[in-house]
Protein backbone atom coordinates (compact mmCIF):
# COMPACT_ATOMS: atom_id res chain seq x y z
CA MET A 1 127.00 92.47 45.58
CA PRO A 2 125.98 93.96 48.91
CA ARG A 3 128.61 94.41 51.49
CA ARG A 4 128.47 91.94 54.50
CA LYS A 5 127.88 93.74 57.76
CA LEU A 6 130.73 93.23 60.11
CA VAL A 7 129.87 92.01 63.63
CA ASN A 8 131.94 93.31 66.62
CA PRO A 9 132.75 90.09 68.57
CA ASP A 10 133.01 91.84 71.86
CA ALA A 11 129.74 93.29 71.14
CA ALA A 12 128.29 90.04 70.33
CA SER A 13 129.78 88.47 73.65
CA ALA A 14 128.38 91.37 75.68
CA VAL A 15 124.90 90.73 74.17
CA ALA A 16 125.04 87.08 75.15
CA LYS A 17 125.88 87.59 78.92
CA ARG A 18 123.06 86.54 81.17
CA ARG A 19 122.25 89.12 83.70
CA ILE A 20 122.38 88.43 87.41
CA VAL A 21 121.37 90.21 90.76
CA VAL A 22 123.02 89.05 93.87
CA VAL A 23 121.12 89.34 97.15
CA ASP A 24 123.04 88.67 100.51
CA ASP A 25 123.07 90.61 103.76
CA HIS A 26 126.97 90.06 104.10
CA ALA A 27 128.77 92.71 102.05
CA ILE A 28 132.05 90.84 101.86
CA VAL A 29 130.36 87.62 100.82
CA ARG A 30 128.25 89.38 98.30
CA GLU A 31 130.98 91.34 96.85
CA GLY A 32 133.34 88.50 96.69
CA LEU A 33 130.74 86.40 94.85
CA CYS A 34 130.11 89.38 92.26
CA GLU A 35 133.75 89.62 91.61
CA LEU A 36 134.01 85.83 90.80
CA LEU A 37 130.99 85.96 88.67
CA GLN A 38 132.14 88.88 86.66
CA ARG A 39 135.07 86.68 85.43
CA GLU A 40 132.69 84.38 83.48
CA PRO A 41 132.32 85.17 79.82
CA ASP A 42 128.68 84.33 79.69
CA LEU A 43 127.46 86.08 82.98
CA GLN A 44 127.14 89.67 84.23
CA VAL A 45 126.50 90.89 87.58
CA VAL A 46 124.14 93.95 87.16
CA GLY A 47 123.25 94.56 90.65
CA GLN A 48 123.35 93.53 94.28
CA ALA A 49 120.96 94.00 97.30
CA SER A 50 121.25 93.43 100.99
CA HIS A 51 117.63 93.13 101.99
CA ALA A 52 114.31 92.17 100.66
CA ARG A 53 113.03 95.76 99.71
CA GLU A 54 116.09 96.65 98.03
CA ALA A 55 116.05 93.38 96.21
CA ALA A 56 112.47 93.81 95.03
CA ALA A 57 113.00 97.23 93.78
CA LEU A 58 116.21 96.28 92.06
CA CYS A 59 114.75 93.35 90.30
CA ALA A 60 111.84 95.35 89.18
CA ARG A 61 114.09 97.85 87.60
CA LEU A 62 116.71 95.70 86.11
CA ARG A 63 114.68 92.61 85.12
CA PRO A 64 117.53 90.13 85.61
CA ASP A 65 117.85 86.60 83.92
CA CYS A 66 118.80 85.20 87.37
CA ILE A 67 118.67 86.22 91.10
CA LEU A 68 121.11 84.46 93.51
CA LEU A 69 119.56 84.86 96.91
CA ASP A 70 120.60 84.08 100.48
CA LEU A 71 118.05 82.83 102.98
CA THR A 72 119.50 84.89 105.79
CA LEU A 73 118.42 88.54 105.35
CA GLY A 74 118.16 89.95 108.73
CA ARG A 75 114.71 90.71 109.66
CA ASP A 76 113.36 89.97 106.29
CA SER A 77 111.91 86.59 105.33
CA ALA A 78 113.74 85.14 102.34
CA PHE A 79 110.93 82.77 101.74
CA SER A 80 108.35 85.82 101.37
CA LEU A 81 110.88 87.44 99.03
CA ILE A 82 111.03 84.26 96.79
CA ALA A 83 107.33 84.13 96.57
CA GLU A 84 107.10 87.88 95.79
CA LEU A 85 109.79 87.69 93.16
CA ARG A 86 108.29 84.59 91.53
CA ALA A 87 104.96 86.50 91.25
CA ALA A 88 106.58 89.41 89.91
CA HIS A 89 109.04 87.77 87.59
CA PRO A 90 107.84 84.48 86.63
CA ARG A 91 110.48 83.97 83.82
CA THR A 92 113.34 84.82 86.04
CA ALA A 93 115.48 81.95 87.53
CA ILE A 94 115.82 82.15 91.23
CA LEU A 95 118.91 80.25 92.76
CA VAL A 96 119.26 80.04 96.69
CA VAL A 97 122.86 80.17 97.74
CA SER A 98 123.03 79.73 101.41
CA MET A 99 124.66 78.11 104.60
CA HIS A 100 121.37 76.74 105.76
CA ASP A 101 121.29 72.94 105.48
CA GLU A 102 120.00 71.84 102.38
CA MET A 103 118.27 68.93 103.83
CA VAL A 104 115.94 71.18 105.75
CA PHE A 105 115.67 74.22 103.58
CA ALA A 106 116.07 73.07 99.79
CA GLU A 107 112.55 71.61 99.50
CA ARG A 108 110.94 74.67 101.16
CA ALA A 109 112.75 76.95 98.83
CA LEU A 110 111.64 74.98 95.63
CA ARG A 111 108.05 74.71 97.02
CA GLY A 112 108.10 78.46 97.47
CA GLY A 113 109.15 79.30 93.89
CA ALA A 114 112.97 78.80 93.71
CA ASN A 115 114.46 77.05 90.88
CA GLY A 116 117.58 75.65 92.56
CA TYR A 117 119.42 75.50 95.80
CA VAL A 118 123.23 75.44 96.35
CA CYS A 119 125.14 75.28 99.83
CA LYS A 120 127.88 78.12 100.17
CA HIS A 121 130.54 75.57 100.99
CA GLU A 122 130.37 74.08 97.61
CA GLN A 123 133.10 74.75 94.97
CA MET A 124 132.71 77.70 92.66
CA GLN A 125 132.26 75.38 89.74
CA VAL A 126 129.21 73.76 91.38
CA LEU A 127 127.68 77.13 91.64
CA LEU A 128 128.44 78.04 88.12
CA THR A 129 127.02 74.79 86.95
CA ALA A 130 123.78 75.48 89.16
CA ILE A 131 123.42 79.14 87.64
CA ARG A 132 123.78 77.83 84.07
CA ARG A 133 121.03 75.00 84.71
CA VAL A 134 118.57 77.24 86.27
CA LEU A 135 119.18 79.69 83.33
CA ALA A 136 118.48 76.96 80.94
CA GLY A 137 115.09 76.26 82.63
CA LYS A 138 116.17 73.34 84.82
CA THR A 139 116.07 72.85 88.46
CA HIS A 140 119.21 72.21 90.49
CA VAL A 141 119.85 70.46 93.87
CA SER A 142 122.39 68.26 95.18
CA GLU A 143 122.22 64.40 94.57
CA ARG A 144 121.39 64.24 98.42
CA VAL A 145 118.64 66.60 98.21
CA ASN A 146 117.32 64.98 95.02
CA GLU A 147 117.22 61.39 96.70
CA LEU A 148 115.28 63.01 99.71
CA LEU A 149 112.74 64.57 97.38
CA LEU A 150 112.34 61.25 95.58
CA ARG A 151 111.94 59.44 98.82
CA SER A 152 109.30 62.08 100.06
CA PHE A 153 107.42 61.45 96.89
CA HIS A 154 106.71 57.81 98.02
CA GLY A 155 105.53 58.80 101.34
CA PRO A 156 106.76 60.71 104.53
CA ALA A 157 107.78 57.37 106.17
CA SER A 158 110.92 57.30 104.11
CA SER A 159 112.22 60.74 105.37
CA PRO A 160 114.99 60.87 107.83
CA ARG A 161 113.80 61.32 111.40
CA GLU A 162 115.36 64.63 111.87
CA THR A 163 114.34 66.35 108.82
CA ALA A 164 110.92 64.76 108.95
CA GLY A 165 110.38 66.51 112.31
CA LEU A 166 111.49 69.88 111.19
CA ALA A 167 109.55 69.47 108.06
CA ARG A 168 106.29 70.07 110.15
CA LEU A 169 107.41 73.50 111.09
CA SER A 170 106.29 76.66 109.10
CA ASN A 171 109.02 78.89 107.77
CA ARG A 172 108.67 81.52 110.68
CA GLU A 173 108.77 78.68 113.23
CA LEU A 174 111.92 77.11 111.80
CA GLU A 175 113.53 80.49 111.74
CA ILE A 176 112.70 81.12 115.42
CA LEU A 177 113.95 77.68 116.35
CA ARG A 178 117.41 78.50 114.73
CA TYR A 179 117.49 81.64 116.92
CA ILE A 180 116.82 79.47 120.05
CA GLY A 181 119.58 77.20 119.19
CA HIS A 182 121.82 80.41 119.10
CA GLY A 183 120.56 81.06 122.89
CA LEU A 184 118.46 83.97 122.14
CA LYS A 185 115.36 84.66 124.37
CA SER A 186 111.96 85.64 123.26
CA ALA A 187 112.55 89.41 123.57
CA LYS A 188 115.87 89.23 121.60
CA ILE A 189 114.26 87.16 118.87
CA ALA A 190 111.35 89.48 118.62
CA ALA A 191 113.46 92.55 118.24
CA THR A 192 115.54 90.95 115.63
CA LEU A 193 112.56 89.74 113.53
CA GLY A 194 110.39 92.96 114.22
CA LEU A 195 107.79 90.69 116.03
CA SER A 196 106.30 91.07 119.62
CA ALA A 197 107.47 88.88 122.40
CA LYS A 198 103.97 87.50 122.69
CA THR A 199 104.08 86.31 119.05
CA VAL A 200 107.48 84.67 119.48
CA ASP A 201 106.21 82.95 122.57
CA ALA A 202 103.16 81.65 120.63
CA HIS A 203 105.42 80.36 117.82
CA ARG A 204 107.64 78.57 120.43
CA GLU A 205 104.60 76.81 121.94
CA HIS A 206 103.44 75.73 118.20
CA ILE A 207 107.02 74.43 117.60
CA LYS A 208 106.90 72.42 120.88
CA ASP A 209 103.52 70.89 119.92
CA LYS A 210 104.72 70.05 116.53
CA LEU A 211 107.89 68.56 117.78
CA GLY A 212 106.44 66.59 120.73
CA ILE A 213 108.63 68.60 123.23
CA ALA A 214 107.21 69.33 126.62
CA THR A 215 109.28 72.20 128.09
CA SER A 216 111.08 75.06 127.00
CA THR A 217 114.40 73.75 128.27
CA GLU A 218 114.08 70.66 126.21
CA LEU A 219 113.31 72.86 123.23
CA THR A 220 116.42 74.80 123.78
CA VAL A 221 118.63 71.52 124.12
CA ALA A 222 116.94 70.22 120.83
CA ALA A 223 117.59 73.30 118.92
CA VAL A 224 121.24 73.52 120.15
CA ASN A 225 121.84 69.89 119.14
CA TRP A 226 120.27 70.51 115.73
CA LEU A 227 122.52 73.35 115.18
CA ARG A 228 125.55 71.37 116.27
CA ASP A 229 124.71 68.41 114.03
CA GLY A 230 124.15 70.55 111.04
CA PHE A 231 120.42 70.46 110.51
CA LEU A 232 120.02 74.16 111.32
CA ASN A 233 123.27 75.40 109.98
CA ASP A 234 123.58 79.08 109.63
CA SER A 235 126.09 81.59 108.42
CA LYS A 236 125.55 83.86 111.49
């Protein structure tokens, strides 16, 4: 009678772990998240990155099962990175984990190729549930966002006034509006994003047109109010 091959339970457990890459430009946040994820028996952090180029190279080399991605990556556009990663790794789950207001950014992230969206203020258990959902091929958003998406399916008139206005902005325009809310002038925004001041000024004019705002002063006040009220929440 042939002998049964013994299986090392520790080895079997290691094989079953899903591989994760964490992308966040805050080192303390990134390392803390990695430490918490490493405690889970079915998850394994295999790499971490702080900016888009590093993240793209790391994912190409490691081929993770899931990428946890913050929307704030310094000069880099997280939405461009999401599109790049989705094209290069169609079977990899992408979960956005961010301080940005989900009512404004979650739909954009999903439309751009992400599989889910979780706010950083949520409990760790919510994040773990989201990770396992996207790894299972499902989409994860909060109930609040899910209701918004369902309403928007039936027509834009049912969207909240604040988010409906912001929804008309492009990803770059929304990013610039957030910096305006922080009090940055065009030259500083341009330096931060690697753009020319003329390009930033052009974006400001487009933002005013789309939001029905007449003056730069009114634009600054609106951006400050949106930040205060949580519609442009940011970890910076």
